[in-house]
Amino acid sequence: MKTTLGYKAGNQVGKGTYWDLANGQRIDVEQSAILSGAESSTYFRIPTGIMLLAGPVIGLFYVISLPFIGIGTLATLAAGKVANGFLSLIGSSM
């Protein structure tokens, strides 16, 4: 039975690929089957074409975000070093 959010575990579904986005579990159904998992699991049926297009799009997003991730990491490390130096200076002056 399809809900507004997807298919619940324990329901019978037709042919397709079903994903539980909460834990990443994927179930491929050839003809019809009952979705396994916890009662609270919700599966989404994702067409093959969308699955094939999602990989390059996610990869592109990752490549574009890499410089920002690197800058954020360096800024965090630098701020930590400055904070430790400042706290060390305050500690030695007391």
C-alpha atoms as a PDB file:
ATOM      1  CA  MET A   1       0.000   0.000   0.000  1.00  0.00           C
ATOM      2  CA  LYS A   2       1.442   3.348  -1.013  1.00  0.00           C
ATOM      3  CA  THR A   3       1.368   6.170   1.499  1.00  0.00           C
ATOM      4  CA  THR A   4       1.921   9.839   0.753  1.00  0.00           C
ATOM      5  CA  LEU A   5       5.550   9.440   1.806  1.00  0.00           C
ATOM      6  CA  GLY A   6       6.299   6.142   0.083  1.00  0.00           C
ATOM      7  CA  TYR A   7       5.854   2.436   0.768  1.00  0.00           C
ATOM      8  CA  LYS A   8       5.881   0.998   4.285  1.00  0.00           C
ATOM      9  CA  ALA A   9       7.739  -2.186   5.261  1.00  0.00           C
ATOM     10  CA  GLY A  10       5.481  -5.243   5.164  1.00  0.00           C
ATOM     11  CA  ASN A  11       3.484  -4.012   2.165  1.00  0.00           C
ATOM     12  CA  GLN A  12       3.361  -5.874  -1.127  1.00  0.00           C
ATOM     13  CA  VAL A  13       4.861  -3.917  -4.030  1.00  0.00           C
ATOM     14  CA  GLY A  14       5.347  -4.416  -7.746  1.00  0.00           C
ATOM     15  CA  LYS A  15       8.455  -4.507  -9.933  1.00  0.00           C
ATOM     16  CA  GLY A  16      11.020  -1.792  -9.252  1.00  0.00           C
ATOM     17  CA  THR A  17      13.823  -0.568  -7.036  1.00  0.00           C
ATOM     18  CA  TYR A  18      12.899   0.587  -3.529  1.00  0.00           C
ATOM     19  CA  TRP A  19      15.171   2.586  -1.222  1.00  0.00           C
ATOM     20  CA  ASP A  20      14.998   3.162   2.526  1.00  0.00           C
ATOM     21  CA  LEU A  21      16.717   6.538   2.730  1.00  0.00           C
ATOM     22  CA  ALA A  22      17.065   6.361   6.522  1.00  0.00           C
ATOM     23  CA  ASN A  23      19.568   3.486   6.441  1.00  0.00           C
ATOM     24  CA  GLY A  24      20.436   3.222   2.723  1.00  0.00           C
ATOM     25  CA  GLN A  25      18.941  -0.231   2.240  1.00  0.00           C
ATOM     26  CA  ARG A  26      17.954  -0.980  -1.349  1.00  0.00           C
ATOM     27  CA  ILE A  27      15.571  -3.708  -2.438  1.00  0.00           C
ATOM     28  CA  ASP A  28      15.286  -4.799  -6.077  1.00  0.00           C
ATOM     29  CA  VAL A  29      11.934  -6.416  -6.871  1.00  0.00           C
ATOM     30  CA  GLU A  30      11.650  -8.493 -10.054  1.00  0.00           C
ATOM     31  CA  GLN A  31       7.885  -9.177 -10.101  1.00  0.00           C
ATOM     32  CA  SER A  32       6.220  -8.553  -6.756  1.00  0.00           C
ATOM     33  CA  ALA A  33       7.408  -8.907  -3.187  1.00  0.00           C
ATOM     34  CA  ILE A  34       6.788  -7.835   0.378  1.00  0.00           C
ATOM     35  CA  LEU A  35       9.140  -5.118   1.625  1.00  0.00           C
ATOM     36  CA  SER A  36      11.215  -6.264   4.585  1.00  0.00           C
ATOM     37  CA  GLY A  37      12.449  -4.185   7.484  1.00  0.00           C
ATOM     38  CA  ALA A  38      11.187  -2.553  10.651  1.00  0.00           C
ATOM     39  CA  GLU A  39       7.572  -1.411  10.786  1.00  0.00           C
ATOM     40  CA  SER A  40       8.718   2.215  10.810  1.00  0.00           C
ATOM     41  CA  SER A  41      10.768   1.801   7.593  1.00  0.00           C
ATOM     42  CA  THR A  42       9.568   3.807   4.613  1.00  0.00           C
ATOM     43  CA  TYR A  43      10.735   2.913   1.117  1.00  0.00           C
ATOM     44  CA  PHE A  44      10.687   5.090  -1.986  1.00  0.00           C
ATOM     45  CA  ARG A  45      10.397   3.699  -5.516  1.00  0.00           C
ATOM     46  CA  ILE A  46      13.025   5.365  -7.656  1.00  0.00           C
ATOM     47  CA  PRO A  47      12.993   4.896 -11.447  1.00  0.00           C
ATOM     48  CA  THR A  48      16.177   3.559 -13.059  1.00  0.00           C
ATOM     49  CA  GLY A  49      16.727   6.699 -15.150  1.00  0.00           C
ATOM     50  CA  ILE A  50      16.726   8.915 -12.079  1.00  0.00           C
ATOM     51  CA  MET A  51      19.130   6.555 -10.321  1.00  0.00           C
ATOM     52  CA  LEU A  52      21.515   6.740 -13.294  1.00  0.00           C
ATOM     53  CA  LEU A  53      21.381  10.544 -13.381  1.00  0.00           C
ATOM     54  CA  ALA A  54      21.752  10.937  -9.619  1.00  0.00           C
ATOM     55  CA  GLY A  55      25.311   9.562  -9.533  1.00  0.00           C
ATOM     56  CA  PRO A  56      26.930  12.214 -11.742  1.00  0.00           C
ATOM     57  CA  VAL A  57      24.880  15.007 -10.143  1.00  0.00           C
ATOM     58  CA  ILE A  58      25.940  13.968  -6.637  1.00  0.00           C
ATOM     59  CA  GLY A  59      29.542  13.656  -7.869  1.00  0.00           C
ATOM     60  CA  LEU A  60      29.395  17.156  -9.364  1.00  0.00           C
ATOM     61  CA  PHE A  61      28.059  18.567  -6.108  1.00  0.00           C
ATOM     62  CA  TYR A  62      30.895  16.846  -4.217  1.00  0.00           C
ATOM     63  CA  VAL A  63      33.580  18.196  -6.568  1.00  0.00           C
ATOM     64  CA  ILE A  64      32.166  21.725  -6.378  1.00  0.00           C
ATOM     65  CA  SER A  65      31.999  21.615  -2.562  1.00  0.00           C
ATOM     66  CA  LEU A  66      35.546  20.237  -2.062  1.00  0.00           C
ATOM     67  CA  PRO A  67      37.281  23.662  -2.046  1.00  0.00           C
ATOM     68  CA  PHE A  68      34.795  24.962   0.535  1.00  0.00           C
ATOM     69  CA  ILE A  69      35.315  21.863   2.675  1.00  0.00           C
ATOM     70  CA  GLY A  70      39.090  22.391   2.507  1.00  0.00           C
ATOM     71  CA  ILE A  71      38.837  26.093   3.376  1.00  0.00           C
ATOM     72  CA  GLY A  72      36.506  25.308   6.269  1.00  0.00           C
ATOM     73  CA  THR A  73      38.880  22.642   7.579  1.00  0.00           C
ATOM     74  CA  LEU A  74      41.876  24.981   7.403  1.00  0.00           C
ATOM     75  CA  ALA A  75      39.920  27.804   9.078  1.00  0.00           C
ATOM     76  CA  THR A  76      38.835  25.472  11.891  1.00  0.00           C
ATOM     77  CA  LEU A  77      42.379  24.238  12.453  1.00  0.00           C
ATOM     78  CA  ALA A  78      43.781  27.783  12.411  1.00  0.00           C
ATOM     79  CA  ALA A  79      41.111  29.029  14.840  1.00  0.00           C
ATOM     80  CA  GLY A  80      41.906  26.117  17.155  1.00  0.00           C
ATOM     81  CA  LYS A  81      45.620  26.935  17.110  1.00  0.00           C
ATOM     82  CA  VAL A  82      44.947  30.626  17.815  1.00  0.00           C
ATOM     83  CA  ALA A  83      42.530  29.768  20.640  1.00  0.00           C
ATOM     84  CA  ASN A  84      45.006  27.319  22.206  1.00  0.00           C
ATOM     85  CA  GLY A  85      47.809  29.894  21.969  1.00  0.00           C
ATOM     86  CA  PHE A  86      45.598  32.570  23.504  1.00  0.00           C
ATOM     87  CA  LEU A  87      44.507  30.296  26.350  1.00  0.00           C
ATOM     88  CA  SER A  88      48.106  29.252  26.934  1.00  0.00           C
ATOM     89  CA  LEU A  89      49.141  32.933  27.105  1.00  0.00           C
ATOM     90  CA  ILE A  90      46.363  33.691  29.599  1.00  0.00           C
ATOM     91  CA  GLY A  91      47.307  30.624  31.656  1.00  0.00           C
ATOM     92  CA  SER A  92      50.998  31.565  31.820  1.00  0.00           C
ATOM     93  CA  SER A  93      50.229  35.176  32.787  1.00  0.00           C
ATOM     94  CA  MET A  94      48.097  34.118  35.744  1.00  0.00           C
END
